[in-house]
Protein backbone atom coordinates (compact mmCIF):
# COMPACT_ATOMS: atom_id res chain seq x y z
CA UNK A 1 0.00 0.00 0.00
CA UNK A 2 1.46 3.34 -1.00
CA UNK A 3 1.87 6.20 1.43
CA UNK A 4 -0.89 8.22 -0.27
CA UNK A 5 -3.31 5.29 -0.13
CA UNK A 6 -2.55 4.75 3.55
CA UNK A 7 -3.18 8.41 4.33
CA UNK A 8 -6.43 8.34 2.36
CA UNK A 9 -7.56 5.25 4.26
CA UNK A 10 -6.75 6.85 7.61
CA UNK A 11 -8.67 10.02 6.65
CA UNK A 12 -11.67 7.97 5.58
CA UNK A 13 -11.63 5.94 8.79
CA UNK A 14 -11.50 9.15 10.81
CA UNK A 15 -14.41 10.55 8.80
CA UNK A 16 -16.47 7.44 9.57
CA UNK A 17 -15.66 7.84 13.27
CA UNK A 18 -16.65 11.51 13.10
CA UNK A 19 -20.00 10.49 11.60
CA UNK A 20 -20.68 8.15 14.51
CA UNK A 21 -19.45 10.58 17.17
CA UNK A 22 -21.43 13.50 15.71
CA UNK A 23 -24.64 11.49 16.08
CA UNK A 24 -24.19 11.30 19.85
CA UNK A 25 -24.91 14.98 20.65
CA UNK A 26 -27.94 14.93 18.36
CA UNK A 27 -29.30 11.84 20.14
CA UNK A 28 -28.54 13.46 23.51
CA UNK A 29 -30.48 16.62 22.62
CA UNK A 30 -33.38 14.60 21.21
CA UNK A 31 -33.47 12.50 24.39
CA UNK A 32 -33.49 15.56 26.64
CA UNK A 33 -36.29 17.16 24.63
CA UNK A 34 -38.28 13.92 24.62
CA UNK A 35 -37.85 13.18 28.35
CA UNK A 36 -38.25 16.66 29.74
CA UNK A 37 -40.35 18.26 27.06
CA UNK A 38 -39.64 21.92 27.39
CA UNK A 39 -36.24 22.72 28.87
CA UNK A 40 -35.11 25.82 30.72
CA UNK A 41 -34.86 28.96 28.65
CA UNK A 42 -31.07 29.26 29.11
CA UNK A 43 -30.43 25.73 27.88
CA UNK A 44 -32.49 25.97 24.68
CA UNK A 45 -29.93 28.09 22.75
CA UNK A 46 -27.06 25.92 23.97
CA UNK A 47 -28.82 22.70 23.02
CA UNK A 48 -29.88 24.11 19.66
CA UNK A 49 -26.38 25.35 18.89
CA UNK A 50 -24.84 22.01 19.87
CA UNK A 51 -27.40 20.17 17.79
CA UNK A 52 -26.74 22.34 14.74
CA UNK A 53 -22.98 22.09 15.18
CA UNK A 54 -23.17 18.29 15.35
CA UNK A 55 -25.35 18.28 12.23
CA UNK A 56 -22.82 20.46 10.41
CA UNK A 57 -19.95 18.15 11.36
CA UNK A 58 -21.99 15.15 10.28
CA UNK A 59 -22.78 16.67 6.88
CA UNK A 60 -19.16 17.71 6.31
CA UNK A 61 -17.88 14.22 7.14
CA UNK A 62 -20.45 12.61 4.84
CA UNK A 63 -19.62 15.06 2.05
CA UNK A 64 -15.91 14.22 2.44
CA UNK A 65 -16.61 10.49 2.28
CA UNK A 66 -18.81 10.79 -0.80
CA UNK A 67 -16.46 13.21 -2.54
CA UNK A 68 -13.38 11.16 -1.77
CA UNK A 69 -15.01 7.96 -2.99
CA UNK A 70 -16.27 9.57 -6.19
CA UNK A 71 -12.88 11.13 -6.87
CA UNK A 72 -11.15 7.78 -6.44
CA UNK A 73 -13.73 6.14 -8.71
CA UNK A 74 -13.20 8.78 -11.42
CA UNK A 75 -9.44 8.48 -11.15
CA UNK A 76 -9.52 4.68 -11.31
CA UNK A 77 -11.86 4.66 -14.30
CA UNK A 78 -9.65 7.06 -16.24
CA UNK A 79 -6.36 5.35 -15.32
CA UNK A 80 -6.68 2.34 -17.68
CA UNK A 81 -7.35 4.65 -20.64
CA UNK A 82 -4.13 6.56 -19.96
CA UNK A 83 -2.11 3.36 -19.66
CA UNK A 84 -3.49 2.01 -22.93
CA UNK A 85 -2.49 5.13 -24.86
PDB file of N, CA and C in Angstrom:
ATOM      1  N   UNK A   1       0.850  -1.170   0.000  1.00  0.00           N
ATOM      2  CA  UNK A   1       0.000   0.000   0.000  1.00  0.00           C
ATOM      3  C   UNK A   1       0.899   1.236   0.000  1.00  0.00           C
ATOM      4  N   UNK A   2       0.633   2.133  -0.906  1.00  0.00           N
ATOM      5  CA  UNK A   2       1.457   3.338  -0.997  1.00  0.00           C
ATOM      6  C   UNK A   2       1.150   4.286   0.162  1.00  0.00           C
ATOM      7  N   UNK A   3       2.027   5.241   0.339  1.00  0.00           N
ATOM      8  CA  UNK A   3       1.868   6.201   1.432  1.00  0.00           C
ATOM      9  C   UNK A   3       0.596   7.032   1.240  1.00  0.00           C
ATOM     10  N   UNK A   4       0.314   7.426   0.010  1.00  0.00           N
ATOM     11  CA  UNK A   4      -0.885   8.216  -0.271  1.00  0.00           C
ATOM     12  C   UNK A   4      -2.158   7.408   0.000  1.00  0.00           C
ATOM     13  N   UNK A   5      -2.141   6.142  -0.369  1.00  0.00           N
ATOM     14  CA  UNK A   5      -3.310   5.285  -0.129  1.00  0.00           C
ATOM     15  C   UNK A   5      -3.528   5.066   1.360  1.00  0.00           C
ATOM     16  N   UNK A   6      -2.434   4.916   2.100  1.00  0.00           N
ATOM     17  CA  UNK A   6      -2.553   4.747   3.549  1.00  0.00           C
ATOM     18  C   UNK A   6      -3.122   6.002   4.197  1.00  0.00           C
ATOM     19  N   UNK A   7      -2.651   7.159   3.783  1.00  0.00           N
ATOM     20  CA  UNK A   7      -3.181   8.414   4.333  1.00  0.00           C
ATOM     21  C   UNK A   7      -4.656   8.585   3.993  1.00  0.00           C
ATOM     22  N   UNK A   8      -5.036   8.239   2.762  1.00  0.00           N
ATOM     23  CA  UNK A   8      -6.434   8.343   2.356  1.00  0.00           C
ATOM     24  C   UNK A   8      -7.301   7.412   3.187  1.00  0.00           C
ATOM     25  N   UNK A   9      -6.807   6.211   3.444  1.00  0.00           N
ATOM     26  CA  UNK A   9      -7.557   5.248   4.256  1.00  0.00           C
ATOM     27  C   UNK A   9      -7.723   5.750   5.683  1.00  0.00           C
ATOM     28  N   UNK A  10      -6.668   6.320   6.244  1.00  0.00           N
ATOM     29  CA  UNK A  10      -6.753   6.852   7.606  1.00  0.00           C
ATOM     30  C   UNK A  10      -7.749   8.009   7.661  1.00  0.00           C
ATOM     31  N   UNK A  11      -7.722   8.901   6.671  1.00  0.00           N
ATOM     32  CA  UNK A  11      -8.672  10.022   6.645  1.00  0.00           C
ATOM     33  C   UNK A  11     -10.098   9.528   6.531  1.00  0.00           C
ATOM     34  N   UNK A  12     -10.315   8.503   5.719  1.00  0.00           N
ATOM     35  CA  UNK A  12     -11.670   7.971   5.583  1.00  0.00           C
ATOM     36  C   UNK A  12     -12.141   7.287   6.860  1.00  0.00           C
ATOM     37  N   UNK A  13     -11.262   6.573   7.516  1.00  0.00           N
ATOM     38  CA  UNK A  13     -11.631   5.940   8.786  1.00  0.00           C
ATOM     39  C   UNK A  13     -11.969   6.995   9.835  1.00  0.00           C
ATOM     40  N   UNK A  14     -11.202   8.069   9.880  1.00  0.00           N
ATOM     41  CA  UNK A  14     -11.501   9.152  10.811  1.00  0.00           C
ATOM     42  C   UNK A  14     -12.834   9.813  10.474  1.00  0.00           C
ATOM     43  N   UNK A  15     -13.130   9.962   9.196  1.00  0.00           N
ATOM     44  CA  UNK A  15     -14.411  10.552   8.798  1.00  0.00           C
ATOM     45  C   UNK A  15     -15.573   9.665   9.226  1.00  0.00           C
ATOM     46  N   UNK A  16     -15.415   8.357   9.117  1.00  0.00           N
ATOM     47  CA  UNK A  16     -16.467   7.439   9.574  1.00  0.00           C
ATOM     48  C   UNK A  16     -16.650   7.558  11.080  1.00  0.00           C
ATOM     49  N   UNK A  17     -15.558   7.655  11.828  1.00  0.00           N
ATOM     50  CA  UNK A  17     -15.661   7.843  13.273  1.00  0.00           C
ATOM     51  C   UNK A  17     -16.326   9.170  13.612  1.00  0.00           C
ATOM     52  N   UNK A  18     -16.023  10.209  12.858  1.00  0.00           N
ATOM     53  CA  UNK A  18     -16.651  11.510  13.095  1.00  0.00           C
ATOM     54  C   UNK A  18     -18.154  11.427  12.852  1.00  0.00           C
ATOM     55  N   UNK A  19     -18.571  10.667  11.856  1.00  0.00           N
ATOM     56  CA  UNK A  19     -20.002  10.494  11.600  1.00  0.00           C
ATOM     57  C   UNK A  19     -20.674   9.882  12.820  1.00  0.00           C
ATOM     58  N   UNK A  20     -20.091   8.838  13.352  1.00  0.00           N
ATOM     59  CA  UNK A  20     -20.681   8.149  14.508  1.00  0.00           C
ATOM     60  C   UNK A  20     -20.678   9.061  15.735  1.00  0.00           C
ATOM     61  N   UNK A  21     -19.561   9.729  15.981  1.00  0.00           N
ATOM     62  CA  UNK A  21     -19.455  10.581  17.168  1.00  0.00           C
ATOM     63  C   UNK A  21     -20.369  11.798  17.056  1.00  0.00           C
ATOM     64  N   UNK A  22     -20.569  12.333  15.860  1.00  0.00           N
ATOM     65  CA  UNK A  22     -21.429  13.503  15.711  1.00  0.00           C
ATOM     66  C   UNK A  22     -22.900  13.161  15.912  1.00  0.00           C
ATOM     67  N   UNK A  23     -23.258  11.886  15.810  1.00  0.00           N
ATOM     68  CA  UNK A  23     -24.635  11.495  16.076  1.00  0.00           C
ATOM     69  C   UNK A  23     -24.952  11.508  17.569  1.00  0.00           C
ATOM     70  N   UNK A  24     -23.950  11.357  18.410  1.00  0.00           N
ATOM     71  CA  UNK A  24     -24.187  11.298  19.849  1.00  0.00           C
ATOM     72  C   UNK A  24     -24.798  12.580  20.414  1.00  0.00           C
ATOM     73  N   UNK A  25     -24.265  13.782  20.113  1.00  0.00           N
ATOM     74  CA  UNK A  25     -24.914  14.982  20.646  1.00  0.00           C
ATOM     75  C   UNK A  25     -26.338  15.168  20.134  1.00  0.00           C
ATOM     76  N   UNK A  26     -26.587  14.790  18.884  1.00  0.00           N
ATOM     77  CA  UNK A  26     -27.944  14.930  18.358  1.00  0.00           C
ATOM     78  C   UNK A  26     -28.907  13.997  19.083  1.00  0.00           C
ATOM     79  N   UNK A  27     -28.453  12.774  19.385  1.00  0.00           N
ATOM     80  CA  UNK A  27     -29.299  11.844  20.136  1.00  0.00           C
ATOM     81  C   UNK A  27     -29.498  12.338  21.570  1.00  0.00           C
ATOM     82  N   UNK A  28     -28.451  12.934  22.158  1.00  0.00           N
ATOM     83  CA  UNK A  28     -28.545  13.465  23.512  1.00  0.00           C
ATOM     84  C   UNK A  28     -29.572  14.585  23.581  1.00  0.00           C
ATOM     85  N   UNK A  29     -29.532  15.503  22.634  1.00  0.00           N
ATOM     86  CA  UNK A  29     -30.480  16.622  22.616  1.00  0.00           C
ATOM     87  C   UNK A  29     -31.896  16.106  22.378  1.00  0.00           C
ATOM     88  N   UNK A  30     -32.046  15.162  21.474  1.00  0.00           N
ATOM     89  CA  UNK A  30     -33.376  14.602  21.214  1.00  0.00           C
ATOM     90  C   UNK A  30     -33.912  13.889  22.455  1.00  0.00           C
ATOM     91  N   UNK A  31     -33.043  13.199  23.168  1.00  0.00           N
ATOM     92  CA  UNK A  31     -33.471  12.498  24.391  1.00  0.00           C
ATOM     93  C   UNK A  31     -33.887  13.473  25.472  1.00  0.00           C
ATOM     94  N   UNK A  32     -33.128  14.556  25.632  1.00  0.00           N
ATOM     95  CA  UNK A  32     -33.487  15.561  26.640  1.00  0.00           C
ATOM     96  C   UNK A  32     -34.835  16.188  26.297  1.00  0.00           C
ATOM     97  N   UNK A  33     -35.026  16.531  25.031  1.00  0.00           N
ATOM     98  CA  UNK A  33     -36.288  17.157  24.634  1.00  0.00           C
ATOM     99  C   UNK A  33     -37.455  16.186  24.751  1.00  0.00           C
ATOM    100  N   UNK A  34     -37.215  14.902  24.522  1.00  0.00           N
ATOM    101  CA  UNK A  34     -38.278  13.915  24.624  1.00  0.00           C
ATOM    102  C   UNK A  34     -38.624  13.645  26.086  1.00  0.00           C
ATOM    103  N   UNK A  35     -37.605  13.512  26.943  1.00  0.00           N
ATOM    104  CA  UNK A  35     -37.850  13.183  28.348  1.00  0.00           C
ATOM    105  C   UNK A  35     -38.422  14.346  29.142  1.00  0.00           C
ATOM    106  N   UNK A  36     -37.879  15.527  28.908  1.00  0.00           N
ATOM    107  CA  UNK A  36     -38.252  16.662  29.738  1.00  0.00           C
ATOM    108  C   UNK A  36     -39.187  17.627  29.026  1.00  0.00           C
ATOM    109  N   UNK A  37     -39.469  17.366  27.795  1.00  0.00           N
ATOM    110  CA  UNK A  37     -40.348  18.258  27.058  1.00  0.00           C
ATOM    111  C   UNK A  37     -39.692  19.606  26.862  1.00  0.00           C
ATOM    112  N   UNK A  38     -40.209  20.569  27.509  1.00  0.00           N
ATOM    113  CA  UNK A  38     -39.643  21.917  27.393  1.00  0.00           C
ATOM    114  C   UNK A  38     -38.535  22.067  28.418  1.00  0.00           C
ATOM    115  N   UNK A  39     -37.379  22.534  27.976  1.00  0.00           N
ATOM    116  CA  UNK A  39     -36.240  22.716  28.872  1.00  0.00           C
ATOM    117  C   UNK A  39     -36.173  24.165  29.328  1.00  0.00           C
ATOM    118  N   UNK A  40     -35.259  24.456  30.216  1.00  0.00           N
ATOM    119  CA  UNK A  40     -35.106  25.819  30.716  1.00  0.00           C
ATOM    120  C   UNK A  40     -34.716  26.753  29.575  1.00  0.00           C
ATOM    121  N   UNK A  41     -35.079  28.009  29.730  1.00  0.00           N
ATOM    122  CA  UNK A  41     -34.855  28.963  28.646  1.00  0.00           C
ATOM    123  C   UNK A  41     -33.375  29.170  28.359  1.00  0.00           C
ATOM    124  N   UNK A  42     -32.500  29.044  29.365  1.00  0.00           N
ATOM    125  CA  UNK A  42     -31.074  29.261  29.115  1.00  0.00           C
ATOM    126  C   UNK A  42     -30.409  28.054  28.458  1.00  0.00           C
ATOM    127  N   UNK A  43     -31.025  26.904  28.520  1.00  0.00           N
ATOM    128  CA  UNK A  43     -30.427  25.731  27.879  1.00  0.00           C
ATOM    129  C   UNK A  43     -30.879  25.549  26.433  1.00  0.00           C
ATOM    130  N   UNK A  44     -32.005  26.139  26.057  1.00  0.00           N
ATOM    131  CA  UNK A  44     -32.485  25.974  24.682  1.00  0.00           C
ATOM    132  C   UNK A  44     -31.488  26.460  23.641  1.00  0.00           C
ATOM    133  N   UNK A  45     -30.912  27.667  23.771  1.00  0.00           N
ATOM    134  CA  UNK A  45     -29.933  28.089  22.754  1.00  0.00           C
ATOM    135  C   UNK A  45     -28.686  27.208  22.734  1.00  0.00           C
ATOM    136  N   UNK A  46     -28.254  26.775  23.906  1.00  0.00           N
ATOM    137  CA  UNK A  46     -27.060  25.918  23.973  1.00  0.00           C
ATOM    138  C   UNK A  46     -27.336  24.574  23.319  1.00  0.00           C
ATOM    139  N   UNK A  47     -28.470  23.980  23.623  1.00  0.00           N
ATOM    140  CA  UNK A  47     -28.825  22.701  23.017  1.00  0.00           C
ATOM    141  C   UNK A  47     -29.021  22.837  21.516  1.00  0.00           C
ATOM    142  N   UNK A  48     -29.660  23.900  21.095  1.00  0.00           N
ATOM    143  CA  UNK A  48     -29.879  24.108  19.660  1.00  0.00           C
ATOM    144  C   UNK A  48     -28.562  24.317  18.928  1.00  0.00           C
ATOM    145  N   UNK A  49     -27.667  25.103  19.531  1.00  0.00           N
ATOM    146  CA  UNK A  49     -26.375  25.354  18.891  1.00  0.00           C
ATOM    147  C   UNK A  49     -25.558  24.061  18.813  1.00  0.00           C
ATOM    148  N   UNK A  50     -25.560  23.284  19.892  1.00  0.00           N
ATOM    149  CA  UNK A  50     -24.836  22.010  19.874  1.00  0.00           C
ATOM    150  C   UNK A  50     -25.418  21.043  18.866  1.00  0.00           C
ATOM    151  N   UNK A  51     -26.731  21.039  18.753  1.00  0.00           N
ATOM    152  CA  UNK A  51     -27.399  20.166  17.793  1.00  0.00           C
ATOM    153  C   UNK A  51     -27.052  20.567  16.365  1.00  0.00           C
ATOM    154  N   UNK A  52     -27.071  21.859  16.077  1.00  0.00           N
ATOM    155  CA  UNK A  52     -26.738  22.338  14.736  1.00  0.00           C
ATOM    156  C   UNK A  52     -25.265  22.137  14.414  1.00  0.00           C
ATOM    157  N   UNK A  53     -24.404  22.318  15.387  1.00  0.00           N
ATOM    158  CA  UNK A  53     -22.978  22.093  15.178  1.00  0.00           C
ATOM    159  C   UNK A  53     -22.699  20.622  14.866  1.00  0.00           C
ATOM    160  N   UNK A  54     -23.339  19.729  15.607  1.00  0.00           N
ATOM    161  CA  UNK A  54     -23.172  18.292  15.346  1.00  0.00           C
ATOM    162  C   UNK A  54     -23.701  17.924  13.964  1.00  0.00           C
ATOM    163  N   UNK A  55     -24.813  18.540  13.561  1.00  0.00           N
ATOM    164  CA  UNK A  55     -25.353  18.281  12.233  1.00  0.00           C
ATOM    165  C   UNK A  55     -24.396  18.777  11.148  1.00  0.00           C
ATOM    166  N   UNK A  56     -23.791  19.940  11.365  1.00  0.00           N
ATOM    167  CA  UNK A  56     -22.821  20.459  10.409  1.00  0.00           C
ATOM    168  C   UNK A  56     -21.603  19.559  10.269  1.00  0.00           C
ATOM    169  N   UNK A  57     -21.103  19.066  11.392  1.00  0.00           N
ATOM    170  CA  UNK A  57     -19.953  18.155  11.364  1.00  0.00           C
ATOM    171  C   UNK A  57     -20.326  16.862  10.651  1.00  0.00           C
ATOM    172  N   UNK A  58     -21.514  16.371  10.929  1.00  0.00           N
ATOM    173  CA  UNK A  58     -21.988  15.148  10.279  1.00  0.00           C
ATOM    174  C   UNK A  58     -22.063  15.328   8.763  1.00  0.00           C
ATOM    175  N   UNK A  59     -22.648  16.435   8.313  1.00  0.00           N
ATOM    176  CA  UNK A  59     -22.781  16.668   6.878  1.00  0.00           C
ATOM    177  C   UNK A  59     -21.419  16.859   6.208  1.00  0.00           C
ATOM    178  N   UNK A  60     -20.499  17.535   6.877  1.00  0.00           N
ATOM    179  CA  UNK A  60     -19.159  17.713   6.310  1.00  0.00           C
ATOM    180  C   UNK A  60     -18.434  16.374   6.179  1.00  0.00           C
ATOM    181  N   UNK A  61     -18.537  15.531   7.200  1.00  0.00           N
ATOM    182  CA  UNK A  61     -17.881  14.222   7.140  1.00  0.00           C
ATOM    183  C   UNK A  61     -18.490  13.351   6.038  1.00  0.00           C
ATOM    184  N   UNK A  62     -19.810  13.386   5.912  1.00  0.00           N
ATOM    185  CA  UNK A  62     -20.450  12.612   4.844  1.00  0.00           C
ATOM    186  C   UNK A  62     -20.081  13.152   3.463  1.00  0.00           C
ATOM    187  N   UNK A  63     -20.015  14.469   3.332  1.00  0.00           N
ATOM    188  CA  UNK A  63     -19.616  15.062   2.053  1.00  0.00           C
ATOM    189  C   UNK A  63     -18.184  14.672   1.706  1.00  0.00           C
ATOM    190  N   UNK A  64     -17.290  14.644   2.699  1.00  0.00           N
ATOM    191  CA  UNK A  64     -15.915  14.223   2.445  1.00  0.00           C
ATOM    192  C   UNK A  64     -15.868  12.769   1.979  1.00  0.00           C
ATOM    193  N   UNK A  65     -16.607  11.899   2.663  1.00  0.00           N
ATOM    194  CA  UNK A  65     -16.607  10.486   2.283  1.00  0.00           C
ATOM    195  C   UNK A  65     -17.139  10.281   0.868  1.00  0.00           C
ATOM    196  N   UNK A  66     -18.233  10.936   0.538  1.00  0.00           N
ATOM    197  CA  UNK A  66     -18.814  10.792  -0.801  1.00  0.00           C
ATOM    198  C   UNK A  66     -17.880  11.380  -1.848  1.00  0.00           C
ATOM    199  N   UNK A  67     -17.368  12.575  -1.586  1.00  0.00           N
ATOM    200  CA  UNK A  67     -16.465  13.209  -2.545  1.00  0.00           C
ATOM    201  C   UNK A  67     -15.186  12.433  -2.754  1.00  0.00           C
ATOM    202  N   UNK A  68     -14.615  11.931  -1.673  1.00  0.00           N
ATOM    203  CA  UNK A  68     -13.384  11.160  -1.765  1.00  0.00           C
ATOM    204  C   UNK A  68     -13.600   9.860  -2.545  1.00  0.00           C
ATOM    205  N   UNK A  69     -14.717   9.201  -2.281  1.00  0.00           N
ATOM    206  CA  UNK A  69     -15.011   7.958  -2.990  1.00  0.00           C
ATOM    207  C   UNK A  69     -15.265   8.204  -4.467  1.00  0.00           C
ATOM    208  N   UNK A  70     -16.014   9.260  -4.786  1.00  0.00           N
ATOM    209  CA  UNK A  70     -16.270   9.574  -6.192  1.00  0.00           C
ATOM    210  C   UNK A  70     -14.989   9.965  -6.918  1.00  0.00           C
ATOM    211  N   UNK A  71     -14.134  10.730  -6.255  1.00  0.00           N
ATOM    212  CA  UNK A  71     -12.875  11.127  -6.872  1.00  0.00           C
ATOM    213  C   UNK A  71     -11.990   9.915  -7.157  1.00  0.00           C
ATOM    214  N   UNK A  72     -11.944   8.984  -6.216  1.00  0.00           N
ATOM    215  CA  UNK A  72     -11.152   7.777  -6.436  1.00  0.00           C
ATOM    216  C   UNK A  72     -11.747   6.949  -7.573  1.00  0.00           C
ATOM    217  N   UNK A  73     -13.074   6.885  -7.633  1.00  0.00           N
ATOM    218  CA  UNK A  73     -13.732   6.142  -8.712  1.00  0.00           C
ATOM    219  C   UNK A  73     -13.429   6.773 -10.069  1.00  0.00           C
ATOM    220  N   UNK A  74     -13.481   8.090 -10.146  1.00  0.00           N
ATOM    221  CA  UNK A  74     -13.199   8.777 -11.416  1.00  0.00           C
ATOM    222  C   UNK A  74     -11.746   8.571 -11.821  1.00  0.00           C
ATOM    223  N   UNK A  75     -10.857   8.673 -10.845  1.00  0.00           N
ATOM    224  CA  UNK A  75      -9.440   8.479 -11.151  1.00  0.00           C
ATOM    225  C   UNK A  75      -9.155   7.047 -11.591  1.00  0.00           C
ATOM    226  N   UNK A  76      -9.782   6.073 -10.949  1.00  0.00           N
ATOM    227  CA  UNK A  76      -9.516   4.677 -11.313  1.00  0.00           C
ATOM    228  C   UNK A  76     -10.145   4.328 -12.657  1.00  0.00           C
ATOM    229  N   UNK A  77     -11.254   4.957 -13.008  1.00  0.00           N
ATOM    230  CA  UNK A  77     -11.858   4.656 -14.302  1.00  0.00           C
ATOM    231  C   UNK A  77     -11.112   5.323 -15.446  1.00  0.00           C
ATOM    232  N   UNK A  78     -10.412   6.413 -15.173  1.00  0.00           N
ATOM    233  CA  UNK A  78      -9.645   7.060 -16.242  1.00  0.00           C
ATOM    234  C   UNK A  78      -8.211   6.550 -16.330  1.00  0.00           C
ATOM    235  N   UNK A  79      -7.740   5.857 -15.330  1.00  0.00           N
ATOM    236  CA  UNK A  79      -6.356   5.355 -15.320  1.00  0.00           C
ATOM    237  C   UNK A  79      -6.098   4.309 -16.406  1.00  0.00           C
ATOM    238  N   UNK A  80      -6.973   3.319 -16.638  1.00  0.00           N
ATOM    239  CA  UNK A  80      -6.684   2.342 -17.683  1.00  0.00           C
ATOM    240  C   UNK A  80      -6.623   2.956 -19.076  1.00  0.00           C
ATOM    241  N   UNK A  81      -7.380   4.005 -19.325  1.00  0.00           N
ATOM    242  CA  UNK A  81      -7.353   4.652 -20.637  1.00  0.00           C
ATOM    243  C   UNK A  81      -6.003   5.314 -20.873  1.00  0.00           C
ATOM    244  N   UNK A  82      -5.426   5.910 -19.823  1.00  0.00           N
ATOM    245  CA  UNK A  82      -4.131   6.558 -19.959  1.00  0.00           C
ATOM    246  C   UNK A  82      -3.027   5.542 -20.174  1.00  0.00           C
ATOM    247  N   UNK A  83      -3.128   4.383 -19.502  1.00  0.00           N
ATOM    248  CA  UNK A  83      -2.113   3.359 -19.659  1.00  0.00           C
ATOM    249  C   UNK A  83      -2.154   2.725 -21.043  1.00  0.00           C
ATOM    250  N   UNK A  84      -3.357   2.629 -21.622  1.00  0.00           N
ATOM    251  CA  UNK A  84      -3.490   2.007 -22.935  1.00  0.00           C
ATOM    252  C   UNK A  84      -2.955   2.895 -24.040  1.00  0.00           C
ATOM    253  N   UNK A  85      -2.945   4.184 -23.817  1.00  0.00           N
ATOM    254  CA  UNK A  85      -2.494   5.125 -24.856  1.00  0.00           C
ATOM    255  C   UNK A  85      -1.005   5.163 -25.012  1.00  0.00           C
TER     256      UNK A  85
END
